[in-house]
Amino acid sequence: MTSTPDAPLPLFTTDRVVVAPLTLADDAFIVALLTDPDWLRYIGDRGVRTLDDARRYLETGPMASYAEHGFGLYRVARRDTGVPIGICGLLRRATLPDVDIGFAFLPAHRGQGFAVETARA
C-alpha cells in the first residue's frame, strides 16, 4: 500500500476498519462529525461549522497531538469502502493522570461494534 499526503499509511486494520492519521483532506468528514447533535451534546462544541474551521481543528487538535505526544485521534474508515465513519485514539487530558481513550462515530455507524473493535485493536 502506498501513501500520499491525503492518504497516509494506515496504523492498523481490523476485519472491518482501517485506522490512519487524520489529514487536512478529512475536513468535510470532520464538519459532519463535529456538527452531529450527539457530538455537540456529549463532547462539546468545538466551533467547527465550515471546512476552514475543520482544517483549523485538525491542525490544532489531532495533528498537534501527533507532533507533541506521538498519538492522538485517528480516522476510522470502513475497510470495504474506505469511507470515514468515526475517530478513535488516545488523548492526553490535563484533568487525568494518564492517557485516555476517546472515540466518536457518525450516527449511521453507531451500535455496530466499530468503537469496541477499533479500541481493542
N, C-alpha and C. Protein backbone atom coordinates (compact mmCIF):
# COMPACT_ATOMS: atom_id res chain seq x y z
N MET A 1 0.84 -1.17 0.00
CA MET A 1 0.00 0.00 0.00
C MET A 1 0.88 1.23 0.00
N THR A 2 0.56 2.22 -0.81
CA THR A 2 1.35 3.44 -0.87
C THR A 2 0.67 4.54 -0.09
N SER A 3 1.43 5.59 0.18
CA SER A 3 0.91 6.70 0.95
C SER A 3 1.06 7.98 0.14
N THR A 4 0.07 8.84 0.25
CA THR A 4 0.14 10.18 -0.33
C THR A 4 -0.14 11.15 0.80
N PRO A 5 0.08 12.47 0.59
CA PRO A 5 -0.22 13.42 1.66
C PRO A 5 -1.68 13.35 2.12
N ASP A 6 -2.59 13.01 1.23
CA ASP A 6 -4.00 12.93 1.59
C ASP A 6 -4.41 11.56 2.11
N ALA A 7 -3.55 10.56 1.94
CA ALA A 7 -3.90 9.20 2.36
C ALA A 7 -2.67 8.53 2.98
N PRO A 8 -2.39 8.84 4.24
CA PRO A 8 -1.22 8.24 4.87
C PRO A 8 -1.40 6.74 5.06
N LEU A 9 -0.30 6.06 5.27
CA LEU A 9 -0.37 4.63 5.54
C LEU A 9 -1.20 4.39 6.80
N PRO A 10 -1.99 3.33 6.79
CA PRO A 10 -2.77 3.01 8.00
C PRO A 10 -1.87 2.64 9.17
N LEU A 11 -2.34 2.95 10.36
CA LEU A 11 -1.66 2.49 11.56
C LEU A 11 -1.92 1.01 11.76
N PHE A 12 -3.19 0.62 11.50
CA PHE A 12 -3.57 -0.78 11.60
C PHE A 12 -4.92 -0.98 10.93
N THR A 13 -5.22 -2.24 10.68
CA THR A 13 -6.52 -2.61 10.14
C THR A 13 -7.10 -3.73 11.00
N THR A 14 -8.42 -3.86 10.93
CA THR A 14 -9.11 -4.99 11.55
C THR A 14 -9.92 -5.63 10.43
N ASP A 15 -10.76 -6.55 10.78
CA ASP A 15 -11.61 -7.17 9.77
C ASP A 15 -12.49 -6.16 9.06
N ARG A 16 -12.90 -5.10 9.79
CA ARG A 16 -13.86 -4.17 9.21
C ARG A 16 -13.40 -2.74 9.04
N VAL A 17 -12.30 -2.34 9.68
CA VAL A 17 -11.90 -0.94 9.62
C VAL A 17 -10.42 -0.77 9.31
N VAL A 18 -10.12 0.43 8.81
CA VAL A 18 -8.75 0.88 8.59
C VAL A 18 -8.57 2.14 9.44
N VAL A 19 -7.52 2.17 10.24
CA VAL A 19 -7.26 3.30 11.13
C VAL A 19 -5.99 3.99 10.66
N ALA A 20 -6.09 5.30 10.41
CA ALA A 20 -4.97 6.07 9.88
C ALA A 20 -5.00 7.48 10.46
N PRO A 21 -3.87 8.18 10.41
CA PRO A 21 -3.86 9.57 10.88
C PRO A 21 -4.85 10.43 10.10
N LEU A 22 -5.44 11.37 10.80
CA LEU A 22 -6.28 12.37 10.13
C LEU A 22 -5.39 13.33 9.36
N THR A 23 -5.90 13.81 8.24
CA THR A 23 -5.19 14.81 7.44
C THR A 23 -6.15 15.95 7.13
N LEU A 24 -5.63 17.01 6.55
CA LEU A 24 -6.47 18.14 6.17
C LEU A 24 -7.53 17.73 5.15
N ALA A 25 -7.29 16.67 4.42
CA ALA A 25 -8.27 16.17 3.45
C ALA A 25 -9.52 15.61 4.13
N ASP A 26 -9.47 15.42 5.44
CA ASP A 26 -10.63 14.93 6.19
C ASP A 26 -11.57 16.05 6.63
N ASP A 27 -11.39 17.24 6.09
CA ASP A 27 -12.15 18.40 6.56
C ASP A 27 -13.67 18.22 6.47
N ALA A 28 -14.19 17.72 5.36
CA ALA A 28 -15.65 17.55 5.23
C ALA A 28 -16.17 16.51 6.22
N PHE A 29 -15.44 15.43 6.39
CA PHE A 29 -15.81 14.42 7.37
C PHE A 29 -15.84 15.02 8.78
N ILE A 30 -14.85 15.83 9.11
CA ILE A 30 -14.78 16.45 10.44
C ILE A 30 -15.95 17.41 10.65
N VAL A 31 -16.34 18.16 9.63
CA VAL A 31 -17.51 19.03 9.77
C VAL A 31 -18.74 18.18 10.11
N ALA A 32 -18.93 17.09 9.38
CA ALA A 32 -20.10 16.23 9.64
C ALA A 32 -20.06 15.66 11.04
N LEU A 33 -18.92 15.18 11.48
CA LEU A 33 -18.81 14.55 12.79
C LEU A 33 -18.99 15.57 13.92
N LEU A 34 -18.31 16.71 13.82
CA LEU A 34 -18.32 17.68 14.91
C LEU A 34 -19.57 18.56 14.96
N THR A 35 -20.41 18.45 13.94
CA THR A 35 -21.70 19.16 13.99
C THR A 35 -22.86 18.22 14.27
N ASP A 36 -22.55 16.93 14.46
CA ASP A 36 -23.59 15.97 14.83
C ASP A 36 -24.16 16.38 16.20
N PRO A 37 -25.48 16.37 16.35
CA PRO A 37 -26.08 16.77 17.64
C PRO A 37 -25.55 15.98 18.84
N ASP A 38 -25.26 14.71 18.68
CA ASP A 38 -24.72 13.94 19.79
C ASP A 38 -23.31 14.37 20.15
N TRP A 39 -22.48 14.71 19.16
CA TRP A 39 -21.14 15.24 19.44
C TRP A 39 -21.31 16.51 20.27
N LEU A 40 -22.15 17.41 19.81
CA LEU A 40 -22.34 18.69 20.50
C LEU A 40 -22.86 18.47 21.92
N ARG A 41 -23.74 17.52 22.10
CA ARG A 41 -24.33 17.26 23.42
C ARG A 41 -23.36 16.59 24.38
N TYR A 42 -22.65 15.56 23.91
CA TYR A 42 -21.84 14.75 24.81
C TYR A 42 -20.36 15.11 24.84
N ILE A 43 -19.87 15.70 23.78
CA ILE A 43 -18.44 16.03 23.72
C ILE A 43 -18.23 17.53 23.84
N GLY A 44 -19.02 18.29 23.09
CA GLY A 44 -18.94 19.74 23.20
C GLY A 44 -18.70 20.42 21.86
N ASP A 45 -19.10 21.66 21.81
CA ASP A 45 -18.97 22.46 20.60
C ASP A 45 -17.53 22.91 20.44
N ARG A 46 -16.92 22.53 19.36
CA ARG A 46 -15.55 22.93 19.05
C ARG A 46 -15.50 24.10 18.07
N GLY A 47 -16.65 24.68 17.77
CA GLY A 47 -16.70 25.82 16.87
C GLY A 47 -16.46 25.47 15.42
N VAL A 48 -16.67 24.22 15.06
CA VAL A 48 -16.44 23.77 13.69
C VAL A 48 -17.77 23.82 12.93
N ARG A 49 -17.82 24.69 11.92
CA ARG A 49 -19.01 24.81 11.08
C ARG A 49 -18.68 24.79 9.59
N THR A 50 -17.43 25.13 9.27
CA THR A 50 -17.01 25.24 7.87
C THR A 50 -15.77 24.36 7.63
N LEU A 51 -15.42 24.21 6.37
CA LEU A 51 -14.21 23.46 6.04
C LEU A 51 -12.96 24.13 6.62
N ASP A 52 -12.92 25.46 6.59
CA ASP A 52 -11.79 26.17 7.21
C ASP A 52 -11.72 25.89 8.70
N ASP A 53 -12.88 25.91 9.38
CA ASP A 53 -12.92 25.57 10.81
C ASP A 53 -12.39 24.16 11.04
N ALA A 54 -12.79 23.23 10.18
CA ALA A 54 -12.36 21.84 10.33
C ALA A 54 -10.86 21.70 10.15
N ARG A 55 -10.30 22.40 9.18
CA ARG A 55 -8.85 22.33 8.98
C ARG A 55 -8.11 22.92 10.19
N ARG A 56 -8.64 24.00 10.76
CA ARG A 56 -8.04 24.57 11.97
C ARG A 56 -8.11 23.57 13.13
N TYR A 57 -9.27 22.93 13.28
CA TYR A 57 -9.43 21.92 14.33
C TYR A 57 -8.42 20.78 14.13
N LEU A 58 -8.29 20.31 12.91
CA LEU A 58 -7.35 19.22 12.64
C LEU A 58 -5.92 19.63 12.97
N GLU A 59 -5.53 20.84 12.57
CA GLU A 59 -4.16 21.30 12.81
C GLU A 59 -3.87 21.52 14.29
N THR A 60 -4.82 22.07 15.03
CA THR A 60 -4.58 22.41 16.43
C THR A 60 -4.99 21.30 17.39
N GLY A 61 -5.71 20.31 16.90
CA GLY A 61 -6.16 19.19 17.73
C GLY A 61 -5.38 17.93 17.41
N PRO A 62 -5.97 17.05 16.58
CA PRO A 62 -5.31 15.77 16.32
C PRO A 62 -3.88 15.87 15.77
N MET A 63 -3.66 16.73 14.81
CA MET A 63 -2.33 16.80 14.21
C MET A 63 -1.30 17.38 15.19
N ALA A 64 -1.71 18.35 16.01
CA ALA A 64 -0.81 18.89 17.03
C ALA A 64 -0.50 17.82 18.08
N SER A 65 -1.49 16.98 18.41
CA SER A 65 -1.27 15.90 19.36
C SER A 65 -0.28 14.88 18.82
N TYR A 66 -0.37 14.56 17.52
CA TYR A 66 0.60 13.64 16.93
C TYR A 66 2.02 14.18 17.13
N ALA A 67 2.19 15.49 16.85
CA ALA A 67 3.51 16.11 16.94
C ALA A 67 4.01 16.19 18.39
N GLU A 68 3.10 16.53 19.31
CA GLU A 68 3.51 16.72 20.70
C GLU A 68 3.64 15.42 21.48
N HIS A 69 2.70 14.50 21.28
CA HIS A 69 2.66 13.29 22.10
C HIS A 69 2.99 12.00 21.35
N GLY A 70 2.95 12.05 20.03
CA GLY A 70 3.17 10.84 19.24
C GLY A 70 1.92 10.01 19.06
N PHE A 71 0.78 10.54 19.48
CA PHE A 71 -0.50 9.85 19.34
C PHE A 71 -1.62 10.89 19.39
N GLY A 72 -2.82 10.44 19.11
CA GLY A 72 -3.99 11.33 19.14
C GLY A 72 -5.20 10.59 18.63
N LEU A 73 -6.15 11.33 18.10
CA LEU A 73 -7.33 10.74 17.49
C LEU A 73 -7.03 10.41 16.04
N TYR A 74 -7.52 9.28 15.58
CA TYR A 74 -7.27 8.82 14.22
C TYR A 74 -8.57 8.58 13.48
N ARG A 75 -8.48 8.69 12.15
CA ARG A 75 -9.64 8.41 11.29
C ARG A 75 -9.89 6.91 11.26
N VAL A 76 -11.15 6.54 11.46
CA VAL A 76 -11.58 5.15 11.34
C VAL A 76 -12.45 5.08 10.10
N ALA A 77 -12.03 4.28 9.13
CA ALA A 77 -12.77 4.14 7.87
C ALA A 77 -13.18 2.69 7.68
N ARG A 78 -14.30 2.51 7.00
CA ARG A 78 -14.71 1.14 6.67
C ARG A 78 -13.68 0.52 5.74
N ARG A 79 -13.30 -0.67 6.02
CA ARG A 79 -12.30 -1.35 5.20
C ARG A 79 -12.83 -1.66 3.80
N ASP A 80 -14.12 -1.97 3.70
CA ASP A 80 -14.68 -2.35 2.40
C ASP A 80 -14.91 -1.17 1.47
N THR A 81 -15.12 0.03 2.01
CA THR A 81 -15.41 1.19 1.16
C THR A 81 -14.39 2.31 1.27
N GLY A 82 -13.63 2.34 2.35
CA GLY A 82 -12.70 3.44 2.60
C GLY A 82 -13.35 4.70 3.13
N VAL A 83 -14.66 4.66 3.36
CA VAL A 83 -15.39 5.83 3.83
C VAL A 83 -15.15 6.03 5.32
N PRO A 84 -14.76 7.25 5.73
CA PRO A 84 -14.57 7.51 7.16
C PRO A 84 -15.90 7.41 7.92
N ILE A 85 -15.85 6.74 9.07
CA ILE A 85 -17.07 6.55 9.86
C ILE A 85 -16.93 7.11 11.27
N GLY A 86 -15.71 7.41 11.69
CA GLY A 86 -15.52 7.93 13.03
C GLY A 86 -14.07 8.19 13.33
N ILE A 87 -13.83 8.52 14.60
CA ILE A 87 -12.47 8.73 15.09
C ILE A 87 -12.29 7.94 16.37
N CYS A 88 -11.05 7.55 16.62
CA CYS A 88 -10.73 6.82 17.84
C CYS A 88 -9.24 6.99 18.11
N GLY A 89 -8.87 7.07 19.35
CA GLY A 89 -7.46 7.16 19.65
C GLY A 89 -7.20 7.50 21.10
N LEU A 90 -5.95 7.79 21.38
CA LEU A 90 -5.51 8.13 22.72
C LEU A 90 -5.36 9.64 22.85
N LEU A 91 -5.76 10.15 24.01
CA LEU A 91 -5.71 11.59 24.27
C LEU A 91 -5.00 11.86 25.58
N ARG A 92 -4.21 12.91 25.59
CA ARG A 92 -3.59 13.39 26.82
C ARG A 92 -4.50 14.50 27.33
N ARG A 93 -5.16 14.27 28.48
CA ARG A 93 -6.07 15.26 29.06
C ARG A 93 -5.45 15.82 30.34
N ALA A 94 -5.48 17.14 30.47
CA ALA A 94 -4.89 17.79 31.64
C ALA A 94 -5.54 17.35 32.94
N THR A 95 -6.78 16.92 32.87
CA THR A 95 -7.52 16.55 34.08
C THR A 95 -7.29 15.10 34.51
N LEU A 96 -6.55 14.33 33.73
CA LEU A 96 -6.32 12.92 34.05
C LEU A 96 -4.83 12.64 34.21
N PRO A 97 -4.48 11.69 35.09
CA PRO A 97 -3.07 11.40 35.32
C PRO A 97 -2.40 10.61 34.19
N ASP A 98 -3.19 9.97 33.33
CA ASP A 98 -2.62 9.17 32.25
C ASP A 98 -3.46 9.38 30.99
N VAL A 99 -3.06 8.77 29.90
CA VAL A 99 -3.79 8.92 28.65
C VAL A 99 -5.19 8.31 28.78
N ASP A 100 -6.08 8.79 27.94
CA ASP A 100 -7.47 8.37 27.93
C ASP A 100 -7.81 7.95 26.50
N ILE A 101 -8.73 7.01 26.37
CA ILE A 101 -9.17 6.63 25.03
C ILE A 101 -10.42 7.44 24.71
N GLY A 102 -10.46 7.94 23.48
CA GLY A 102 -11.61 8.71 23.03
C GLY A 102 -12.10 8.17 21.70
N PHE A 103 -13.39 8.34 21.46
CA PHE A 103 -13.95 7.89 20.19
C PHE A 103 -15.25 8.63 19.92
N ALA A 104 -15.60 8.72 18.66
CA ALA A 104 -16.88 9.26 18.21
C ALA A 104 -17.13 8.71 16.81
N PHE A 105 -18.37 8.33 16.55
CA PHE A 105 -18.73 7.77 15.25
C PHE A 105 -19.96 8.48 14.71
N LEU A 106 -20.04 8.55 13.39
CA LEU A 106 -21.22 9.11 12.76
C LEU A 106 -22.44 8.26 13.10
N PRO A 107 -23.62 8.87 13.18
CA PRO A 107 -24.82 8.15 13.61
C PRO A 107 -25.09 6.84 12.87
N ALA A 108 -24.87 6.79 11.59
CA ALA A 108 -25.17 5.58 10.81
C ALA A 108 -24.27 4.41 11.16
N HIS A 109 -23.20 4.66 11.89
CA HIS A 109 -22.22 3.61 12.19
C HIS A 109 -22.12 3.29 13.68
N ARG A 110 -23.06 3.80 14.44
CA ARG A 110 -23.08 3.52 15.87
C ARG A 110 -23.85 2.22 16.13
N GLY A 111 -23.54 1.61 17.26
CA GLY A 111 -24.27 0.41 17.67
C GLY A 111 -23.93 -0.83 16.87
N GLN A 112 -22.81 -0.80 16.16
CA GLN A 112 -22.41 -1.94 15.33
C GLN A 112 -21.07 -2.52 15.77
N GLY A 113 -20.56 -2.05 16.90
CA GLY A 113 -19.32 -2.58 17.43
C GLY A 113 -18.04 -1.99 16.87
N PHE A 114 -18.13 -0.95 16.05
CA PHE A 114 -16.93 -0.37 15.45
C PHE A 114 -16.02 0.25 16.51
N ALA A 115 -16.59 0.94 17.49
CA ALA A 115 -15.78 1.58 18.53
C ALA A 115 -15.03 0.53 19.35
N VAL A 116 -15.70 -0.52 19.75
CA VAL A 116 -15.06 -1.58 20.54
C VAL A 116 -13.98 -2.27 19.71
N GLU A 117 -14.30 -2.58 18.47
CA GLU A 117 -13.33 -3.24 17.58
C GLU A 117 -12.06 -2.40 17.42
N THR A 118 -12.26 -1.10 17.20
CA THR A 118 -11.12 -0.20 16.99
C THR A 118 -10.33 -0.02 18.27
N ALA A 119 -11.00 0.22 19.39
CA ALA A 119 -10.32 0.42 20.65
C ALA A 119 -9.53 -0.81 21.09
N ARG A 120 -10.09 -1.97 20.88
CA ARG A 120 -9.37 -3.20 21.24
C ARG A 120 -8.11 -3.38 20.40
N ALA A 121 -8.20 -3.05 19.12
CA ALA A 121 -7.05 -3.20 18.23
C ALA A 121 -5.95 -2.22 18.61
